N, C-alpha and C. Protein backbone atom coordinates (compact mmCIF):
# COMPACT_ATOMS: atom_id res chain seq x y z
N MET A 1 9.00 -2.48 39.14
CA MET A 1 7.83 -3.09 39.02
C MET A 1 7.16 -1.67 38.22
N VAL A 2 7.66 -0.94 37.95
CA VAL A 2 6.73 0.38 36.92
C VAL A 2 7.23 0.06 35.79
N ILE A 3 8.92 -0.31 35.31
CA ILE A 3 9.03 -0.64 33.91
C ILE A 3 8.43 -1.88 33.67
N LYS A 4 8.09 -3.00 34.40
CA LYS A 4 7.46 -4.21 34.11
C LYS A 4 6.01 -3.65 33.64
N GLN A 5 5.45 -2.57 34.26
CA GLN A 5 4.28 -2.33 34.06
C GLN A 5 4.11 -1.84 32.31
N ILE A 6 5.11 -0.49 32.33
CA ILE A 6 4.77 0.00 31.09
C ILE A 6 5.02 -1.01 30.19
N SER A 7 6.29 -1.97 30.38
CA SER A 7 6.31 -3.07 29.06
C SER A 7 4.75 -3.86 29.04
N VAL A 8 4.21 -4.22 29.94
CA VAL A 8 3.07 -5.08 29.25
C VAL A 8 2.06 -4.28 29.11
N SER A 9 1.81 -2.75 28.99
CA SER A 9 1.14 -2.01 28.69
C SER A 9 1.18 -1.91 27.09
N VAL A 10 3.05 -1.65 26.84
CA VAL A 10 3.12 -1.42 25.59
C VAL A 10 2.73 -2.70 24.67
N ALA A 11 3.59 -3.67 25.05
CA ALA A 11 3.17 -4.96 24.44
C ALA A 11 1.43 -5.18 24.22
N PHE A 12 0.60 -4.98 24.97
CA PHE A 12 -1.13 -5.38 24.91
C PHE A 12 -1.25 -4.11 24.17
N ALA A 13 -0.62 -3.27 23.84
CA ALA A 13 -0.91 -1.67 22.99
C ALA A 13 -0.69 -2.31 21.10
N ALA A 14 0.41 -3.23 21.57
CA ALA A 14 0.65 -3.57 20.05
C ALA A 14 0.21 -4.68 19.59
N VAL A 15 0.15 -5.67 20.48
CA VAL A 15 -1.04 -7.03 20.02
C VAL A 15 -2.12 -6.54 19.66
N LEU A 16 -2.76 -5.20 20.32
CA LEU A 16 -4.42 -5.22 19.48
C LEU A 16 -4.29 -4.15 18.62
N MET A 17 -2.78 -2.99 18.39
CA MET A 17 -2.88 -3.01 17.09
C MET A 17 -2.59 -3.73 16.01
N LEU A 18 -1.86 -4.60 16.16
CA LEU A 18 -1.89 -5.74 14.96
C LEU A 18 -2.94 -6.40 14.79
N SER A 19 -4.25 -6.70 15.92
CA SER A 19 -5.09 -7.34 15.50
C SER A 19 -5.84 -6.55 14.80
N MET A 20 -6.00 -5.28 15.24
CA MET A 20 -7.17 -4.40 14.57
C MET A 20 -6.50 -4.34 12.95
N VAL A 21 -5.21 -4.01 12.64
CA VAL A 21 -4.82 -3.96 10.82
C VAL A 21 -5.08 -5.53 10.39
N SER A 22 -4.67 -6.48 11.59
CA SER A 22 -4.99 -7.77 11.01
C SER A 22 -6.49 -7.98 10.43
N CYS A 23 -7.19 -7.59 10.99
CA CYS A 23 -8.76 -7.49 11.09
C CYS A 23 -9.12 -6.71 9.84
N LYS A 24 -8.81 -5.59 9.58
CA LYS A 24 -8.95 -4.55 8.45
C LYS A 24 -8.45 -5.44 7.21
N THR A 25 -7.00 -5.66 7.34
CA THR A 25 -6.68 -6.51 5.98
C THR A 25 -7.25 -7.72 6.06
N ALA A 26 -8.24 -8.68 6.97
CA ALA A 26 -8.74 -9.81 6.21
C ALA A 26 -10.52 -9.08 6.06
N SER A 27 -10.43 -8.47 6.02
CA SER A 27 -11.85 -7.65 5.68
C SER A 27 -11.79 -7.83 4.33
N VAL A 28 -10.82 -7.16 3.85
CA VAL A 28 -10.79 -6.86 2.61
C VAL A 28 -10.41 -7.69 1.57
N THR A 29 -11.39 -8.43 0.65
CA THR A 29 -10.88 -9.47 -0.17
C THR A 29 -10.12 -9.29 -1.27
N GLU A 30 -9.41 -10.54 -1.63
CA GLU A 30 -8.98 -10.49 -3.05
C GLU A 30 -9.70 -9.61 -3.85
N LEU A 31 -9.00 -9.05 -4.55
CA LEU A 31 -9.77 -8.56 -6.05
C LEU A 31 -9.51 -9.60 -6.96
N GLN A 32 -11.47 -9.97 -7.47
CA GLN A 32 -11.27 -11.29 -8.37
C GLN A 32 -11.21 -10.46 -9.73
N THR A 33 -11.15 -10.99 -10.75
CA THR A 33 -10.89 -10.60 -12.41
C THR A 33 -11.47 -11.74 -13.01
N VAL A 34 -12.45 -11.41 -14.25
CA VAL A 34 -12.72 -11.93 -15.14
C VAL A 34 -12.28 -13.50 -15.56
N PRO A 35 -13.02 -14.79 -15.44
CA PRO A 35 -12.00 -15.33 -15.22
C PRO A 35 -11.70 -16.12 -16.93
N LYS A 36 -11.48 -15.33 -17.87
CA LYS A 36 -10.98 -15.65 -19.01
C LYS A 36 -10.86 -13.99 -20.02
N VAL A 37 -9.63 -13.93 -20.45
CA VAL A 37 -9.72 -12.61 -21.31
C VAL A 37 -8.87 -13.21 -22.78
N ASP A 38 -9.54 -13.04 -24.01
CA ASP A 38 -8.99 -13.50 -25.39
C ASP A 38 -8.64 -12.29 -25.40
N VAL A 39 -6.83 -12.26 -25.09
CA VAL A 39 -5.88 -11.02 -25.51
C VAL A 39 -6.43 -10.50 -27.22
N ASP A 40 -6.64 -10.99 -27.99
CA ASP A 40 -6.65 -10.42 -29.66
C ASP A 40 -7.88 -9.85 -29.65
N LYS A 41 -9.07 -10.28 -29.01
CA LYS A 41 -10.21 -9.71 -28.82
C LYS A 41 -10.14 -8.11 -28.10
N TYR A 42 -9.58 -8.22 -27.17
CA TYR A 42 -9.48 -7.09 -26.48
C TYR A 42 -8.37 -5.71 -26.87
N MET A 43 -7.65 -6.14 -27.97
CA MET A 43 -6.69 -5.39 -28.74
C MET A 43 -7.73 -4.30 -29.76
N GLY A 44 -7.45 -3.05 -29.72
CA GLY A 44 -8.35 -2.13 -30.38
C GLY A 44 -8.30 -1.47 -29.65
N THR A 45 -9.42 -0.02 -29.97
CA THR A 45 -9.51 1.57 -28.93
C THR A 45 -10.61 0.80 -27.98
N TRP A 46 -10.43 1.78 -26.90
CA TRP A 46 -10.83 1.91 -25.59
C TRP A 46 -11.20 3.18 -25.39
N TYR A 47 -12.76 3.54 -25.24
CA TYR A 47 -12.78 5.09 -24.96
C TYR A 47 -13.11 5.01 -23.24
N GLU A 48 -12.61 5.90 -22.27
CA GLU A 48 -12.96 6.45 -20.96
C GLU A 48 -14.29 6.54 -20.83
N ILE A 49 -15.10 6.08 -20.06
CA ILE A 49 -16.41 6.53 -19.86
C ILE A 49 -16.10 7.12 -18.74
N SER A 50 -15.53 6.66 -17.40
CA SER A 50 -15.24 7.23 -16.24
C SER A 50 -14.11 6.64 -15.44
N SER A 51 -13.57 6.95 -14.49
CA SER A 51 -12.29 6.98 -13.70
C SER A 51 -12.21 7.81 -12.26
N PHE A 52 -11.52 6.61 -11.40
CA PHE A 52 -10.96 7.71 -10.07
C PHE A 52 -10.05 8.26 -10.90
N PRO A 53 -10.20 9.96 -10.29
CA PRO A 53 -8.94 10.98 -10.65
C PRO A 53 -7.52 10.59 -10.25
N GLN A 54 -6.81 10.42 -11.56
CA GLN A 54 -5.73 10.42 -10.81
C GLN A 54 -4.64 12.01 -11.31
N ARG A 55 -3.44 12.19 -11.02
CA ARG A 55 -2.97 13.15 -11.19
C ARG A 55 -1.95 13.18 -12.60
N PHE A 56 -1.90 11.75 -13.28
CA PHE A 56 -1.45 12.00 -14.56
C PHE A 56 -2.55 12.11 -15.41
N GLN A 57 -3.88 11.96 -15.03
CA GLN A 57 -4.44 12.26 -15.95
C GLN A 57 -5.81 13.78 -15.63
N GLN A 58 -4.72 14.42 -14.95
CA GLN A 58 -5.67 15.80 -14.97
C GLN A 58 -5.96 16.67 -16.25
N ASP A 59 -7.18 17.47 -16.25
CA ASP A 59 -7.25 18.45 -17.24
C ASP A 59 -7.04 17.19 -18.40
N CYS A 60 -7.93 16.09 -18.57
CA CYS A 60 -7.87 15.34 -19.76
C CYS A 60 -9.52 15.50 -20.00
N TYR A 61 -9.41 15.41 -21.43
CA TYR A 61 -10.94 15.40 -22.30
C TYR A 61 -11.00 14.58 -22.99
N CYS A 62 -11.71 13.34 -23.54
CA CYS A 62 -11.96 12.68 -24.65
C CYS A 62 -10.78 11.54 -24.13
N THR A 63 -10.37 10.98 -23.14
CA THR A 63 -9.45 9.89 -23.25
C THR A 63 -10.05 8.71 -23.96
N MET A 64 -9.07 8.20 -24.28
CA MET A 64 -9.10 6.74 -24.99
C MET A 64 -7.38 5.80 -24.88
N ALA A 65 -7.60 4.94 -25.35
CA ALA A 65 -6.57 4.12 -24.95
C ALA A 65 -6.22 3.31 -26.33
N GLU A 66 -5.74 2.73 -26.77
CA GLU A 66 -5.40 1.91 -28.12
C GLU A 66 -4.63 0.93 -27.69
N TYR A 67 -4.63 -0.20 -27.84
CA TYR A 67 -3.64 -1.50 -27.54
C TYR A 67 -3.63 -2.37 -28.87
N ARG A 68 -2.71 -2.60 -29.11
CA ARG A 68 -2.12 -3.13 -30.23
C ARG A 68 -0.79 -4.39 -29.74
N PHE A 69 -1.20 -5.86 -30.12
CA PHE A 69 -0.38 -6.81 -29.25
C PHE A 69 0.50 -6.69 -30.70
N ASN A 70 1.78 -6.87 -29.87
CA ASN A 70 2.93 -6.66 -30.10
C ASN A 70 3.64 -8.22 -30.22
N ASP A 71 3.24 -9.43 -31.42
CA ASP A 71 3.59 -10.82 -31.38
C ASP A 71 5.17 -11.22 -31.23
N GLN A 72 6.36 -10.54 -31.62
CA GLN A 72 7.27 -10.18 -31.76
C GLN A 72 8.00 -10.36 -30.39
N LYS A 73 7.59 -9.33 -30.17
CA LYS A 73 8.12 -8.83 -28.38
C LYS A 73 7.31 -9.53 -27.46
N GLY A 74 6.01 -9.77 -27.63
CA GLY A 74 5.66 -10.83 -26.64
C GLY A 74 4.79 -9.51 -25.58
N TYR A 75 4.44 -8.37 -26.28
CA TYR A 75 3.67 -7.39 -25.05
C TYR A 75 3.23 -6.63 -25.57
N VAL A 76 1.83 -6.43 -25.69
CA VAL A 76 0.78 -5.04 -25.56
C VAL A 76 0.95 -3.47 -25.39
N GLU A 77 1.19 -3.09 -26.68
CA GLU A 77 1.89 -1.56 -27.35
C GLU A 77 0.58 -0.88 -26.74
N VAL A 78 0.68 0.04 -26.00
CA VAL A 78 -0.12 0.67 -25.06
C VAL A 78 -0.15 2.03 -25.79
N LEU A 79 -1.06 2.84 -26.84
CA LEU A 79 -0.90 4.38 -26.83
C LEU A 79 -2.08 4.66 -25.64
N ASN A 80 -1.65 5.73 -24.75
CA ASN A 80 -2.98 6.74 -24.42
C ASN A 80 -3.35 7.63 -24.71
N SER A 81 -4.36 8.40 -25.13
CA SER A 81 -4.52 9.67 -25.40
C SER A 81 -5.70 10.40 -24.92
N CYS A 82 -5.51 11.77 -24.65
CA CYS A 82 -6.42 12.66 -24.24
C CYS A 82 -6.32 14.07 -24.66
N ARG A 83 -7.28 15.03 -24.49
CA ARG A 83 -7.04 16.30 -25.07
C ARG A 83 -6.91 16.90 -24.32
N LYS A 84 -5.95 17.89 -23.75
CA LYS A 84 -5.79 18.94 -22.76
C LYS A 84 -6.52 20.06 -22.36
N TYR A 85 -7.32 20.11 -21.35
CA TYR A 85 -7.78 21.40 -20.94
C TYR A 85 -9.03 21.99 -21.92
N SER A 86 -9.35 21.27 -22.85
CA SER A 86 -10.82 21.35 -23.17
C SER A 86 -11.07 20.26 -24.01
N PRO A 87 -12.14 20.11 -25.12
CA PRO A 87 -12.39 18.78 -25.74
C PRO A 87 -11.84 19.39 -27.13
N THR A 88 -11.69 20.66 -27.14
CA THR A 88 -11.20 20.97 -28.21
C THR A 88 -9.04 21.23 -28.46
N GLY A 89 -8.79 20.91 -26.98
CA GLY A 89 -7.31 21.44 -26.84
C GLY A 89 -6.50 20.23 -27.82
N VAL A 90 -5.06 20.70 -27.33
CA VAL A 90 -4.09 20.11 -27.70
C VAL A 90 -4.47 18.58 -27.57
N ILE A 91 -4.15 17.53 -28.65
CA ILE A 91 -3.58 15.75 -28.11
C ILE A 91 -2.62 15.73 -27.32
N ASP A 92 -2.67 15.34 -26.24
CA ASP A 92 -1.30 14.76 -25.14
C ASP A 92 -1.41 13.15 -25.10
N THR A 93 -0.36 12.72 -25.39
CA THR A 93 -0.14 10.63 -25.37
C THR A 93 0.80 9.97 -24.40
N ALA A 94 0.31 9.02 -24.10
CA ALA A 94 1.44 8.40 -23.43
C ALA A 94 2.02 7.16 -24.40
N LYS A 95 2.83 6.41 -24.23
CA LYS A 95 3.05 5.20 -24.77
C LYS A 95 3.56 4.29 -23.69
N GLY A 96 2.86 3.18 -23.81
CA GLY A 96 3.52 2.06 -23.02
C GLY A 96 3.41 0.54 -23.21
N LYS A 97 3.84 -0.23 -22.56
CA LYS A 97 3.66 -1.88 -22.63
C LYS A 97 2.75 -2.14 -21.56
N ALA A 98 2.51 -3.05 -22.03
CA ALA A 98 1.67 -4.18 -20.67
C ALA A 98 1.87 -5.52 -21.09
N PHE A 99 2.48 -5.93 -19.72
CA PHE A 99 2.61 -7.81 -20.10
C PHE A 99 1.70 -8.29 -19.07
N VAL A 100 1.48 -9.51 -19.71
CA VAL A 100 0.36 -10.25 -19.05
C VAL A 100 0.97 -10.84 -18.00
N THR A 101 0.68 -10.93 -16.97
CA THR A 101 1.14 -12.01 -15.63
C THR A 101 0.54 -13.08 -15.01
N ASP A 102 -0.83 -13.13 -15.45
CA ASP A 102 -1.78 -14.32 -15.39
C ASP A 102 -1.74 -15.13 -16.90
N LYS A 103 -1.23 -15.70 -17.28
CA LYS A 103 -1.54 -16.52 -18.64
C LYS A 103 -2.56 -17.20 -18.76
N GLU A 104 -2.60 -17.56 -17.39
CA GLU A 104 -3.93 -18.59 -16.92
C GLU A 104 -5.25 -18.09 -17.60
N THR A 105 -5.76 -16.83 -17.04
CA THR A 105 -6.66 -15.89 -17.27
C THR A 105 -6.40 -14.82 -18.54
N ASN A 106 -5.24 -14.31 -18.47
CA ASN A 106 -4.33 -12.98 -19.26
C ASN A 106 -5.72 -11.70 -18.40
N ALA A 107 -6.12 -12.35 -17.47
CA ALA A 107 -6.91 -11.05 -17.25
C ALA A 107 -6.29 -10.07 -16.05
N LYS A 108 -4.94 -10.09 -15.43
CA LYS A 108 -3.82 -9.39 -15.17
C LYS A 108 -2.74 -9.17 -15.52
N LEU A 109 -2.61 -7.85 -16.00
CA LEU A 109 -1.39 -7.21 -16.71
C LEU A 109 -0.67 -6.30 -15.49
N LYS A 110 0.75 -6.01 -16.21
CA LYS A 110 0.92 -4.48 -15.62
C LYS A 110 1.73 -4.15 -17.11
N VAL A 111 1.24 -2.93 -16.52
CA VAL A 111 1.34 -1.61 -17.66
C VAL A 111 2.36 -1.02 -17.22
N GLN A 112 3.60 -0.41 -17.94
CA GLN A 112 4.49 0.28 -18.15
C GLN A 112 4.93 1.85 -18.59
N PHE A 113 4.59 2.73 -18.41
CA PHE A 113 5.35 3.75 -19.14
C PHE A 113 6.60 4.69 -18.78
N PHE A 114 6.97 4.01 -18.32
CA PHE A 114 8.63 5.03 -17.36
C PHE A 114 9.14 3.38 -16.59
N TRP A 115 10.15 3.47 -17.36
CA TRP A 115 10.83 2.23 -16.80
C TRP A 115 11.43 2.72 -15.42
N PRO A 116 11.78 2.09 -14.45
CA PRO A 116 11.48 0.59 -14.21
C PRO A 116 9.87 0.17 -13.84
N PHE A 117 8.90 1.38 -13.57
CA PHE A 117 7.58 0.98 -13.20
C PHE A 117 6.86 0.30 -13.39
N LYS A 118 6.02 -0.52 -13.28
CA LYS A 118 5.11 -1.31 -13.52
C LYS A 118 3.55 -0.94 -12.37
N GLY A 119 2.74 -0.63 -13.20
CA GLY A 119 1.33 -0.80 -12.61
C GLY A 119 0.64 -1.83 -12.93
N LYS A 120 -0.40 -2.52 -11.92
CA LYS A 120 -1.41 -3.58 -11.94
C LYS A 120 -2.47 -2.99 -13.05
N TYR A 121 -2.77 -3.87 -13.67
CA TYR A 121 -3.73 -3.47 -14.64
C TYR A 121 -4.94 -5.11 -14.64
N TRP A 122 -5.93 -4.98 -13.95
CA TRP A 122 -6.64 -6.30 -13.67
C TRP A 122 -8.12 -5.80 -14.38
N ILE A 123 -8.56 -6.67 -15.36
CA ILE A 123 -9.82 -6.58 -15.96
C ILE A 123 -10.75 -7.19 -14.90
N ILE A 124 -11.88 -6.71 -13.96
CA ILE A 124 -12.30 -7.00 -13.90
C ILE A 124 -14.08 -6.98 -13.79
N ALA A 125 -13.89 -6.93 -15.06
CA ALA A 125 -15.53 -6.83 -15.82
C ALA A 125 -15.58 -6.95 -17.26
N LEU A 126 -15.97 -7.41 -18.12
CA LEU A 126 -15.67 -7.57 -19.60
C LEU A 126 -17.03 -8.39 -20.29
N ALA A 127 -17.47 -7.41 -20.94
CA ALA A 127 -18.64 -8.06 -21.91
C ALA A 127 -18.04 -9.08 -22.61
N ASP A 128 -19.54 -10.28 -22.91
CA ASP A 128 -19.35 -10.97 -23.67
C ASP A 128 -18.50 -11.06 -25.05
N ASP A 129 -19.46 -9.65 -26.05
CA ASP A 129 -19.06 -9.32 -27.21
C ASP A 129 -17.72 -8.11 -26.93
N TYR A 130 -16.92 -8.05 -25.46
CA TYR A 130 -15.82 -7.20 -25.35
C TYR A 130 -16.16 -5.93 -25.73
N SER A 131 -17.58 -5.75 -25.74
CA SER A 131 -18.08 -4.02 -26.21
C SER A 131 -17.59 -2.71 -24.65
N TYR A 132 -17.48 -3.50 -23.65
CA TYR A 132 -16.86 -2.72 -22.38
C TYR A 132 -16.05 -3.62 -21.54
N ALA A 133 -15.46 -2.94 -20.74
CA ALA A 133 -13.83 -3.44 -19.67
C ALA A 133 -14.53 -2.82 -18.15
N MET A 134 -14.24 -3.24 -17.36
CA MET A 134 -13.80 -2.32 -16.23
C MET A 134 -12.39 -2.65 -15.36
N VAL A 135 -11.41 -2.33 -15.20
CA VAL A 135 -10.04 -1.91 -14.77
C VAL A 135 -10.01 -1.98 -13.55
N GLY A 136 -9.36 -2.31 -12.75
CA GLY A 136 -8.62 -1.53 -11.65
C GLY A 136 -7.60 -2.30 -10.89
N HIS A 137 -7.07 -1.73 -9.65
CA HIS A 137 -6.04 -2.02 -9.32
C HIS A 137 -6.41 -3.20 -8.00
N PRO A 138 -5.45 -4.05 -7.43
CA PRO A 138 -5.84 -4.73 -6.34
C PRO A 138 -6.19 -3.93 -5.31
N ASN A 139 -5.25 -2.58 -5.02
CA ASN A 139 -5.51 -2.24 -3.79
C ASN A 139 -6.68 -0.95 -3.71
N ARG A 140 -7.26 -1.30 -5.19
CA ARG A 140 -8.79 -0.12 -5.25
C ARG A 140 -8.92 1.11 -5.12
N GLU A 141 -7.44 1.81 -5.33
CA GLU A 141 -7.23 3.04 -5.71
C GLU A 141 -7.15 3.61 -7.11
N TYR A 142 -7.23 2.72 -8.00
CA TYR A 142 -7.34 3.12 -9.22
C TYR A 142 -8.59 2.09 -9.96
N LEU A 143 -9.20 2.68 -10.69
CA LEU A 143 -10.68 2.54 -11.41
C LEU A 143 -10.98 3.09 -12.62
N TRP A 144 -11.44 2.32 -13.66
CA TRP A 144 -11.50 2.98 -14.82
C TRP A 144 -12.58 2.36 -15.99
N ILE A 145 -13.89 2.66 -16.35
CA ILE A 145 -15.09 2.25 -16.67
C ILE A 145 -14.21 2.66 -18.24
N LEU A 146 -14.47 1.51 -19.26
CA LEU A 146 -14.13 1.45 -20.64
C LEU A 146 -15.25 0.97 -21.43
N ASN A 147 -15.16 1.56 -22.81
CA ASN A 147 -16.04 0.81 -23.31
C ASN A 147 -15.21 1.29 -24.78
N ARG A 148 -16.34 0.55 -25.91
CA ARG A 148 -15.57 0.53 -27.08
C ARG A 148 -15.95 1.81 -28.18
N MET A 149 -17.52 2.55 -27.80
CA MET A 149 -17.83 3.75 -28.14
C MET A 149 -17.83 4.64 -27.24
N PRO A 150 -17.90 5.72 -27.56
CA PRO A 150 -17.65 7.07 -26.33
C PRO A 150 -18.73 7.44 -25.46
N GLN A 151 -19.45 6.80 -25.65
CA GLN A 151 -20.70 6.67 -25.42
C GLN A 151 -20.93 5.26 -24.28
N MET A 152 -21.54 5.33 -23.11
CA MET A 152 -22.53 3.89 -22.67
C MET A 152 -23.70 4.18 -22.10
N GLU A 153 -24.45 3.47 -22.42
CA GLU A 153 -25.81 3.40 -21.88
C GLU A 153 -25.81 3.59 -20.84
N GLU A 154 -26.87 4.41 -20.16
CA GLU A 154 -27.15 4.30 -18.51
C GLU A 154 -27.16 3.21 -18.06
N ALA A 155 -27.94 2.10 -18.28
CA ALA A 155 -28.16 1.42 -17.26
C ALA A 155 -26.88 0.52 -17.29
N GLN A 156 -26.20 0.44 -18.41
CA GLN A 156 -24.90 -0.48 -18.29
C GLN A 156 -23.65 0.10 -17.59
N TYR A 157 -23.82 1.45 -17.30
CA TYR A 157 -23.16 2.06 -16.62
C TYR A 157 -23.14 1.81 -15.10
N LYS A 158 -24.41 1.94 -14.95
CA LYS A 158 -24.93 2.35 -13.17
C LYS A 158 -24.58 0.29 -13.17
N GLU A 159 -24.85 -0.22 -14.15
CA GLU A 159 -24.38 -2.20 -13.25
C GLU A 159 -22.89 -2.52 -13.07
N LEU A 160 -22.27 -1.45 -14.04
CA LEU A 160 -21.23 -1.50 -13.79
C LEU A 160 -20.48 -1.04 -11.95
N VAL A 161 -21.09 0.22 -12.18
CA VAL A 161 -20.95 1.21 -11.03
C VAL A 161 -20.81 0.16 -9.41
N GLY A 162 -22.21 -0.68 -9.55
CA GLY A 162 -22.72 -1.54 -8.92
C GLY A 162 -22.03 -2.59 -8.29
N ILE A 163 -21.32 -3.16 -9.54
CA ILE A 163 -20.10 -4.05 -9.77
C ILE A 163 -19.02 -3.85 -8.66
N ALA A 164 -18.58 -2.63 -9.41
CA ALA A 164 -17.31 -2.17 -8.65
C ALA A 164 -17.96 -1.95 -6.89
N ALA A 165 -18.92 -1.17 -6.66
CA ALA A 165 -18.86 -1.01 -5.17
C ALA A 165 -18.92 -2.29 -4.19
N LYS A 166 -19.42 -3.39 -5.31
CA LYS A 166 -19.75 -4.88 -4.29
C LYS A 166 -18.36 -5.32 -4.25
N LEU A 167 -16.93 -4.79 -5.43
CA LEU A 167 -15.66 -5.08 -5.25
C LEU A 167 -15.00 -4.78 -4.22
N GLY A 168 -15.97 -3.67 -3.37
CA GLY A 168 -14.84 -3.11 -2.73
C GLY A 168 -14.23 -1.68 -2.91
N PHE A 169 -14.75 -1.13 -4.21
CA PHE A 169 -14.31 0.11 -4.54
C PHE A 169 -15.15 1.23 -3.95
N ASP A 170 -14.64 2.39 -4.16
CA ASP A 170 -15.60 3.57 -3.45
C ASP A 170 -15.90 4.45 -4.62
N THR A 171 -17.19 3.79 -4.97
CA THR A 171 -17.58 4.38 -6.47
C THR A 171 -17.85 6.01 -6.25
N ARG A 172 -18.06 6.50 -4.87
CA ARG A 172 -18.30 7.81 -4.74
C ARG A 172 -17.26 9.14 -5.67
N LEU A 173 -15.57 8.15 -6.17
CA LEU A 173 -14.73 8.59 -6.29
C LEU A 173 -14.75 8.83 -8.04
N LEU A 174 -15.61 8.17 -8.72
CA LEU A 174 -15.67 7.83 -9.81
C LEU A 174 -16.33 9.37 -10.51
N GLN A 175 -15.11 10.00 -11.48
CA GLN A 175 -15.66 10.82 -12.18
C GLN A 175 -15.95 10.60 -13.46
N ARG A 176 -17.29 10.80 -14.23
CA ARG A 176 -17.81 10.69 -15.81
C ARG A 176 -16.55 11.13 -16.53
N THR A 177 -15.63 10.69 -17.66
CA THR A 177 -15.09 11.67 -18.71
C THR A 177 -15.77 12.55 -19.83
N ASP A 178 -15.69 13.68 -19.68
CA ASP A 178 -15.94 14.17 -20.89
C ASP A 178 -15.63 13.38 -22.60
N GLN A 179 -16.48 13.04 -23.16
CA GLN A 179 -16.14 12.64 -24.33
C GLN A 179 -16.92 13.08 -25.58
N SER A 180 -17.01 14.69 -25.44
CA SER A 180 -17.86 15.25 -26.13
C SER A 180 -17.03 15.30 -27.62
N CYS A 181 -15.83 15.48 -28.01
CA CYS A 181 -15.20 15.75 -28.92
C CYS A 181 -15.43 14.88 -29.80
N PHE A 182 -15.99 13.56 -29.64
CA PHE A 182 -16.23 12.30 -30.42
C PHE A 182 -17.72 12.59 -30.47
N ILE A 183 -18.38 12.95 -29.80
CA ILE A 183 -19.92 12.67 -29.81
C ILE A 183 -19.66 14.14 -31.39
N SER A 184 -19.30 15.47 -31.43
CA SER A 184 -19.50 16.54 -32.29
C SER A 184 -18.51 16.08 -33.59
N GLY A 185 -18.04 14.70 -33.54
CA GLY A 185 -17.32 14.74 -34.83
C GLY A 185 -15.95 14.98 -35.01
N LYS A 186 -15.07 15.55 -33.80
CA LYS A 186 -14.41 15.58 -34.05
C LYS A 186 -13.39 14.43 -33.52
N LYS A 187 -11.88 14.40 -33.46
CA LYS A 187 -10.83 13.49 -33.20
C LYS A 187 -9.69 14.39 -32.63
C-alpha cells in the first residue's frame, strides 16, 4: 500500500512538473524575423551599438562586422573586429562564414567561426534603407543592435530596445558598445 501511494505521488509530481515546463515553453513564442532581407543590401560594414555581454566579446571596444557575399562558394564571409582593452588597443579579429538557412526570407542564418559549431543569427529588425539592424537568437540569450554608422540616434535606439523587449528579450542585459575610436577618427 505504501509503495502504491509513493508511486502515485511520484507520478503526480512528474505530471505537475511536465505541465509547468509545457506552460513555460508555450508562453515563449517563436522569435519572429523580418519578412525579407536583400542579402546584397545587407552586405558591408556594421557597427555594434549594443549587445548582450558574451565571453567571446569580453574587453572589446569599437566592435564592428564586415560582411561580403562570396558568389562562388555561396556563403557570406564574416570579419568581426574590435580593439582589445581600450579604444586605442590592439585590433582583434575573427573570421567566419554565414549560411542563409531560410531562403524564402534570407532573415535566418547560421554563423560559423569554428568548425563544426554554428550559431543562429536571426535578423529581427531592419531599417527600410538598411541603416540599422537588430540580430538575435531564438533562445533570446544573444542580441545585437547594429548600425551603419558608429553612433545611433537615441530615439532610434530606444525604439529598437522596445521592440526587443516585446519580442521577449531581457533588455536590461544590453550594454552599449564604446565606439569612441571611430568618433575621434581612429580606426
